[in-house]
Amino acid sequence: MKRFGFVFGDSWREAGIIAKIAIIWFYFGFISSPTNMVMNILNIQKMRLYIQSITLILRVIAIYLGYALFNSYIVSIILFVIVGVFQSIFTIIYVYFKLIENRK
């Protein structure tokens, strides 16, 4: 990312690339953060535990595969972010349907 290199120097250019990749994950984490409280309100913490456990396993696998198969920490970060984005999307959809179910 050119701005990182301009502001912090050329040695920080790779940090800009990582920030550009991670911003997608941060965005989805931000928009899905209210679902954590809703899961507490709906008393579905057990499902939250399952989601977080599966996410942890998938993130470890993503980091390992990115480095083992592609020998690249950038690919590992991309896979890590993909897992986080899918986890956020799944959680939002799950909570949405639980809210509809409780509304009836």
N, C-alpha and C. Protein backbone atom coordinates (compact mmCIF):
# COMPACT_ATOMS: atom_id res chain seq x y z
N MET A 1 0.85 -1.17 0.00
CA MET A 1 0.00 0.00 0.00
C MET A 1 0.90 1.23 0.00
N LYS A 2 0.69 2.09 -0.93
CA LYS A 2 1.59 3.22 -1.13
C LYS A 2 1.59 4.20 0.03
N ARG A 3 0.45 4.38 0.68
CA ARG A 3 0.38 5.34 1.78
C ARG A 3 1.26 4.92 2.95
N PHE A 4 1.27 3.63 3.25
CA PHE A 4 2.12 3.16 4.34
C PHE A 4 3.58 3.43 4.01
N GLY A 5 3.96 3.14 2.78
CA GLY A 5 5.33 3.39 2.37
C GLY A 5 5.69 4.85 2.41
N PHE A 6 4.75 5.69 2.02
CA PHE A 6 5.00 7.14 2.00
C PHE A 6 5.12 7.68 3.42
N VAL A 7 4.20 7.26 4.30
CA VAL A 7 4.16 7.80 5.66
C VAL A 7 5.26 7.20 6.54
N PHE A 8 5.41 5.88 6.50
CA PHE A 8 6.31 5.20 7.43
C PHE A 8 7.64 4.76 6.82
N GLY A 9 7.76 4.82 5.51
CA GLY A 9 8.98 4.38 4.86
C GLY A 9 8.77 3.06 4.15
N ASP A 10 9.70 2.74 3.27
CA ASP A 10 9.57 1.53 2.44
C ASP A 10 9.51 0.24 3.23
N SER A 11 10.12 0.21 4.39
CA SER A 11 10.11 -1.03 5.18
C SER A 11 8.71 -1.36 5.72
N TRP A 12 7.78 -0.41 5.65
CA TRP A 12 6.42 -0.63 6.16
C TRP A 12 5.43 -0.94 5.04
N ARG A 13 5.89 -1.08 3.82
CA ARG A 13 4.99 -1.35 2.69
C ARG A 13 4.20 -2.64 2.87
N GLU A 14 4.84 -3.68 3.38
CA GLU A 14 4.15 -4.95 3.59
C GLU A 14 3.06 -4.82 4.65
N ALA A 15 3.29 -3.97 5.64
CA ALA A 15 2.24 -3.73 6.64
C ALA A 15 1.01 -3.12 5.99
N GLY A 16 1.20 -2.31 4.99
CA GLY A 16 0.08 -1.74 4.24
C GLY A 16 -0.70 -2.80 3.50
N ILE A 17 -0.01 -3.78 2.95
CA ILE A 17 -0.67 -4.89 2.26
C ILE A 17 -1.51 -5.68 3.25
N ILE A 18 -0.93 -5.97 4.40
CA ILE A 18 -1.66 -6.71 5.43
C ILE A 18 -2.87 -5.91 5.91
N ALA A 19 -2.71 -4.61 6.09
CA ALA A 19 -3.83 -3.77 6.53
C ALA A 19 -4.94 -3.75 5.49
N LYS A 20 -4.55 -3.72 4.22
CA LYS A 20 -5.55 -3.72 3.16
C LYS A 20 -6.36 -5.02 3.16
N ILE A 21 -5.71 -6.12 3.44
CA ILE A 21 -6.40 -7.41 3.51
C ILE A 21 -7.27 -7.48 4.76
N ALA A 22 -6.73 -7.05 5.89
CA ALA A 22 -7.42 -7.19 7.17
C ALA A 22 -8.61 -6.24 7.32
N ILE A 23 -8.65 -5.16 6.57
CA ILE A 23 -9.73 -4.19 6.72
C ILE A 23 -11.09 -4.82 6.41
N ILE A 24 -11.11 -5.79 5.52
CA ILE A 24 -12.36 -6.49 5.19
C ILE A 24 -12.85 -7.25 6.41
N TRP A 25 -11.96 -7.93 7.09
CA TRP A 25 -12.31 -8.68 8.29
C TRP A 25 -12.77 -7.74 9.40
N PHE A 26 -12.08 -6.62 9.55
CA PHE A 26 -12.46 -5.64 10.57
C PHE A 26 -13.87 -5.10 10.30
N TYR A 27 -14.18 -4.86 9.02
CA TYR A 27 -15.50 -4.36 8.65
C TYR A 27 -16.58 -5.35 9.06
N PHE A 28 -16.42 -6.60 8.69
CA PHE A 28 -17.42 -7.60 9.02
C PHE A 28 -17.49 -7.84 10.53
N GLY A 29 -16.36 -7.76 11.21
CA GLY A 29 -16.37 -7.87 12.66
C GLY A 29 -17.14 -6.74 13.31
N PHE A 30 -17.02 -5.55 12.72
CA PHE A 30 -17.72 -4.39 13.24
C PHE A 30 -19.23 -4.52 13.06
N ILE A 31 -19.66 -4.93 11.87
CA ILE A 31 -21.10 -5.00 11.63
C ILE A 31 -21.75 -6.20 12.31
N SER A 32 -20.95 -7.21 12.65
CA SER A 32 -21.54 -8.38 13.31
C SER A 32 -21.41 -8.35 14.83
N SER A 33 -20.76 -7.33 15.37
CA SER A 33 -20.56 -7.30 16.83
C SER A 33 -21.85 -7.26 17.64
N PRO A 34 -22.93 -6.62 17.18
CA PRO A 34 -24.17 -6.66 17.98
C PRO A 34 -24.76 -8.06 18.11
N THR A 35 -24.42 -8.96 17.20
CA THR A 35 -24.97 -10.32 17.29
C THR A 35 -24.50 -11.04 18.55
N ASN A 36 -23.34 -10.69 19.06
CA ASN A 36 -22.86 -11.32 20.29
C ASN A 36 -23.79 -11.02 21.47
N MET A 37 -24.23 -9.79 21.57
CA MET A 37 -25.14 -9.43 22.65
C MET A 37 -26.51 -10.07 22.43
N VAL A 38 -26.95 -10.10 21.18
CA VAL A 38 -28.25 -10.71 20.88
C VAL A 38 -28.22 -12.20 21.21
N MET A 39 -27.09 -12.85 20.97
CA MET A 39 -26.99 -14.27 21.32
C MET A 39 -27.13 -14.46 22.83
N ASN A 40 -26.60 -13.54 23.61
CA ASN A 40 -26.77 -13.60 25.07
C ASN A 40 -28.24 -13.40 25.44
N ILE A 41 -28.88 -12.43 24.81
CA ILE A 41 -30.28 -12.12 25.11
C ILE A 41 -31.18 -13.32 24.75
N LEU A 42 -30.89 -13.95 23.61
CA LEU A 42 -31.70 -15.09 23.17
C LEU A 42 -31.32 -16.39 23.87
N ASN A 43 -30.30 -16.32 24.71
CA ASN A 43 -29.84 -17.49 25.47
C ASN A 43 -29.37 -18.62 24.55
N ILE A 44 -28.58 -18.26 23.54
CA ILE A 44 -28.03 -19.26 22.63
C ILE A 44 -26.50 -19.22 22.68
N GLN A 45 -25.99 -19.13 23.89
CA GLN A 45 -24.54 -19.09 24.07
C GLN A 45 -23.88 -20.40 23.65
N LYS A 46 -24.61 -21.51 23.76
CA LYS A 46 -24.03 -22.79 23.36
C LYS A 46 -23.71 -22.78 21.87
N MET A 47 -24.61 -22.22 21.06
CA MET A 47 -24.35 -22.12 19.62
C MET A 47 -23.18 -21.18 19.36
N ARG A 48 -23.10 -20.11 20.14
CA ARG A 48 -21.96 -19.18 20.01
C ARG A 48 -20.65 -19.90 20.29
N LEU A 49 -20.65 -20.76 21.32
CA LEU A 49 -19.46 -21.54 21.63
C LEU A 49 -19.09 -22.46 20.47
N TYR A 50 -20.09 -23.12 19.87
CA TYR A 50 -19.83 -24.00 18.72
C TYR A 50 -19.25 -23.21 17.55
N ILE A 51 -19.85 -22.07 17.26
CA ILE A 51 -19.37 -21.23 16.15
C ILE A 51 -17.93 -20.80 16.40
N GLN A 52 -17.64 -20.33 17.61
CA GLN A 52 -16.29 -19.87 17.93
C GLN A 52 -15.28 -21.02 17.90
N SER A 53 -15.68 -22.20 18.35
CA SER A 53 -14.78 -23.36 18.34
C SER A 53 -14.45 -23.78 16.92
N ILE A 54 -15.47 -23.84 16.07
CA ILE A 54 -15.25 -24.20 14.67
C ILE A 54 -14.40 -23.15 13.98
N THR A 55 -14.68 -21.88 14.29
CA THR A 55 -13.89 -20.79 13.70
C THR A 55 -12.42 -20.90 14.11
N LEU A 56 -12.16 -21.20 15.36
CA LEU A 56 -10.78 -21.36 15.82
C LEU A 56 -10.07 -22.47 15.05
N ILE A 57 -10.73 -23.60 14.91
CA ILE A 57 -10.13 -24.73 14.18
C ILE A 57 -9.87 -24.34 12.73
N LEU A 58 -10.86 -23.71 12.09
CA LEU A 58 -10.70 -23.31 10.68
C LEU A 58 -9.61 -22.25 10.51
N ARG A 59 -9.47 -21.37 11.47
CA ARG A 59 -8.42 -20.35 11.37
C ARG A 59 -7.03 -20.96 11.50
N VAL A 60 -6.88 -21.92 12.40
CA VAL A 60 -5.59 -22.60 12.52
C VAL A 60 -5.27 -23.34 11.23
N ILE A 61 -6.27 -24.02 10.67
CA ILE A 61 -6.07 -24.73 9.40
C ILE A 61 -5.74 -23.74 8.29
N ALA A 62 -6.41 -22.60 8.26
CA ALA A 62 -6.15 -21.60 7.23
C ALA A 62 -4.72 -21.09 7.29
N ILE A 63 -4.26 -20.80 8.50
CA ILE A 63 -2.88 -20.32 8.65
C ILE A 63 -1.89 -21.40 8.21
N TYR A 64 -2.14 -22.62 8.63
CA TYR A 64 -1.24 -23.72 8.27
C TYR A 64 -1.23 -23.95 6.76
N LEU A 65 -2.42 -24.03 6.14
CA LEU A 65 -2.49 -24.30 4.70
C LEU A 65 -1.86 -23.18 3.88
N GLY A 66 -2.10 -21.96 4.29
CA GLY A 66 -1.51 -20.83 3.56
C GLY A 66 -0.01 -20.89 3.53
N TYR A 67 0.57 -21.29 4.62
CA TYR A 67 2.03 -21.36 4.66
C TYR A 67 2.56 -22.66 4.10
N ALA A 68 1.89 -23.79 4.42
CA ALA A 68 2.39 -25.10 3.98
C ALA A 68 2.24 -25.29 2.47
N LEU A 69 1.11 -24.87 1.92
CA LEU A 69 0.87 -25.09 0.49
C LEU A 69 1.45 -24.00 -0.39
N PHE A 70 1.39 -22.76 0.08
CA PHE A 70 1.80 -21.65 -0.76
C PHE A 70 3.08 -20.98 -0.29
N ASN A 71 3.57 -21.38 0.87
CA ASN A 71 4.78 -20.81 1.45
C ASN A 71 4.70 -19.27 1.49
N SER A 72 3.54 -18.79 1.92
CA SER A 72 3.31 -17.35 1.92
C SER A 72 2.48 -16.95 3.14
N TYR A 73 3.00 -16.04 3.91
CA TYR A 73 2.22 -15.56 5.05
C TYR A 73 1.06 -14.68 4.58
N ILE A 74 1.19 -14.07 3.41
CA ILE A 74 0.10 -13.25 2.87
C ILE A 74 -1.10 -14.14 2.54
N VAL A 75 -0.87 -15.30 1.94
CA VAL A 75 -1.96 -16.23 1.65
C VAL A 75 -2.57 -16.73 2.96
N SER A 76 -1.74 -16.96 3.95
CA SER A 76 -2.27 -17.37 5.26
C SER A 76 -3.20 -16.31 5.83
N ILE A 77 -2.81 -15.06 5.71
CA ILE A 77 -3.64 -13.96 6.23
C ILE A 77 -4.93 -13.86 5.43
N ILE A 78 -4.85 -14.02 4.11
CA ILE A 78 -6.05 -13.98 3.28
C ILE A 78 -7.02 -15.08 3.68
N LEU A 79 -6.51 -16.30 3.86
CA LEU A 79 -7.38 -17.41 4.27
C LEU A 79 -7.95 -17.17 5.66
N PHE A 80 -7.16 -16.63 6.55
CA PHE A 80 -7.62 -16.30 7.90
C PHE A 80 -8.78 -15.30 7.83
N VAL A 81 -8.63 -14.29 7.00
CA VAL A 81 -9.66 -13.26 6.84
C VAL A 81 -10.93 -13.87 6.23
N ILE A 82 -10.77 -14.74 5.25
CA ILE A 82 -11.92 -15.39 4.62
C ILE A 82 -12.72 -16.17 5.66
N VAL A 83 -12.03 -16.92 6.51
CA VAL A 83 -12.71 -17.67 7.57
C VAL A 83 -13.46 -16.71 8.49
N GLY A 84 -12.84 -15.61 8.87
CA GLY A 84 -13.48 -14.64 9.74
C GLY A 84 -14.70 -13.99 9.11
N VAL A 85 -14.62 -13.69 7.83
CA VAL A 85 -15.75 -13.08 7.12
C VAL A 85 -16.92 -14.05 7.05
N PHE A 86 -16.64 -15.30 6.69
CA PHE A 86 -17.71 -16.29 6.63
C PHE A 86 -18.32 -16.54 8.00
N GLN A 87 -17.51 -16.52 9.03
CA GLN A 87 -18.03 -16.69 10.39
C GLN A 87 -18.96 -15.54 10.74
N SER A 88 -18.59 -14.33 10.40
CA SER A 88 -19.44 -13.17 10.70
C SER A 88 -20.75 -13.24 9.93
N ILE A 89 -20.67 -13.58 8.65
CA ILE A 89 -21.88 -13.68 7.83
C ILE A 89 -22.79 -14.78 8.37
N PHE A 90 -22.23 -15.93 8.70
CA PHE A 90 -23.03 -17.02 9.23
C PHE A 90 -23.71 -16.62 10.54
N THR A 91 -22.96 -15.96 11.41
CA THR A 91 -23.51 -15.55 12.70
C THR A 91 -24.65 -14.56 12.52
N ILE A 92 -24.49 -13.60 11.63
CA ILE A 92 -25.55 -12.62 11.37
C ILE A 92 -26.81 -13.32 10.87
N ILE A 93 -26.65 -14.23 9.91
CA ILE A 93 -27.80 -14.95 9.35
C ILE A 93 -28.45 -15.82 10.41
N TYR A 94 -27.65 -16.52 11.19
CA TYR A 94 -28.19 -17.39 12.24
C TYR A 94 -29.00 -16.59 13.25
N VAL A 95 -28.45 -15.49 13.72
CA VAL A 95 -29.15 -14.65 14.70
C VAL A 95 -30.42 -14.06 14.08
N TYR A 96 -30.36 -13.67 12.84
CA TYR A 96 -31.55 -13.13 12.16
C TYR A 96 -32.69 -14.15 12.18
N PHE A 97 -32.40 -15.38 11.81
CA PHE A 97 -33.45 -16.40 11.79
C PHE A 97 -33.92 -16.76 13.20
N LYS A 98 -33.04 -16.73 14.18
CA LYS A 98 -33.45 -16.96 15.56
C LYS A 98 -34.38 -15.84 16.05
N LEU A 99 -34.09 -14.62 15.65
CA LEU A 99 -34.97 -13.51 16.02
C LEU A 99 -36.35 -13.66 15.40
N ILE A 100 -36.39 -14.07 14.15
CA ILE A 100 -37.67 -14.31 13.48
C ILE A 100 -38.42 -15.44 14.18
N GLU A 101 -37.70 -16.50 14.53
CA GLU A 101 -38.31 -17.64 15.22
C GLU A 101 -38.88 -17.23 16.58
N ASN A 102 -38.19 -16.39 17.31
CA ASN A 102 -38.65 -15.95 18.64
C ASN A 102 -39.78 -14.92 18.56
N ARG A 103 -39.89 -14.30 17.42
CA ARG A 103 -40.92 -13.28 17.25
C ARG A 103 -42.31 -13.89 17.14
N LYS A 104 -42.36 -15.12 16.66
CA LYS A 104 -43.65 -15.80 16.44
C LYS A 104 -44.25 -16.29 17.71
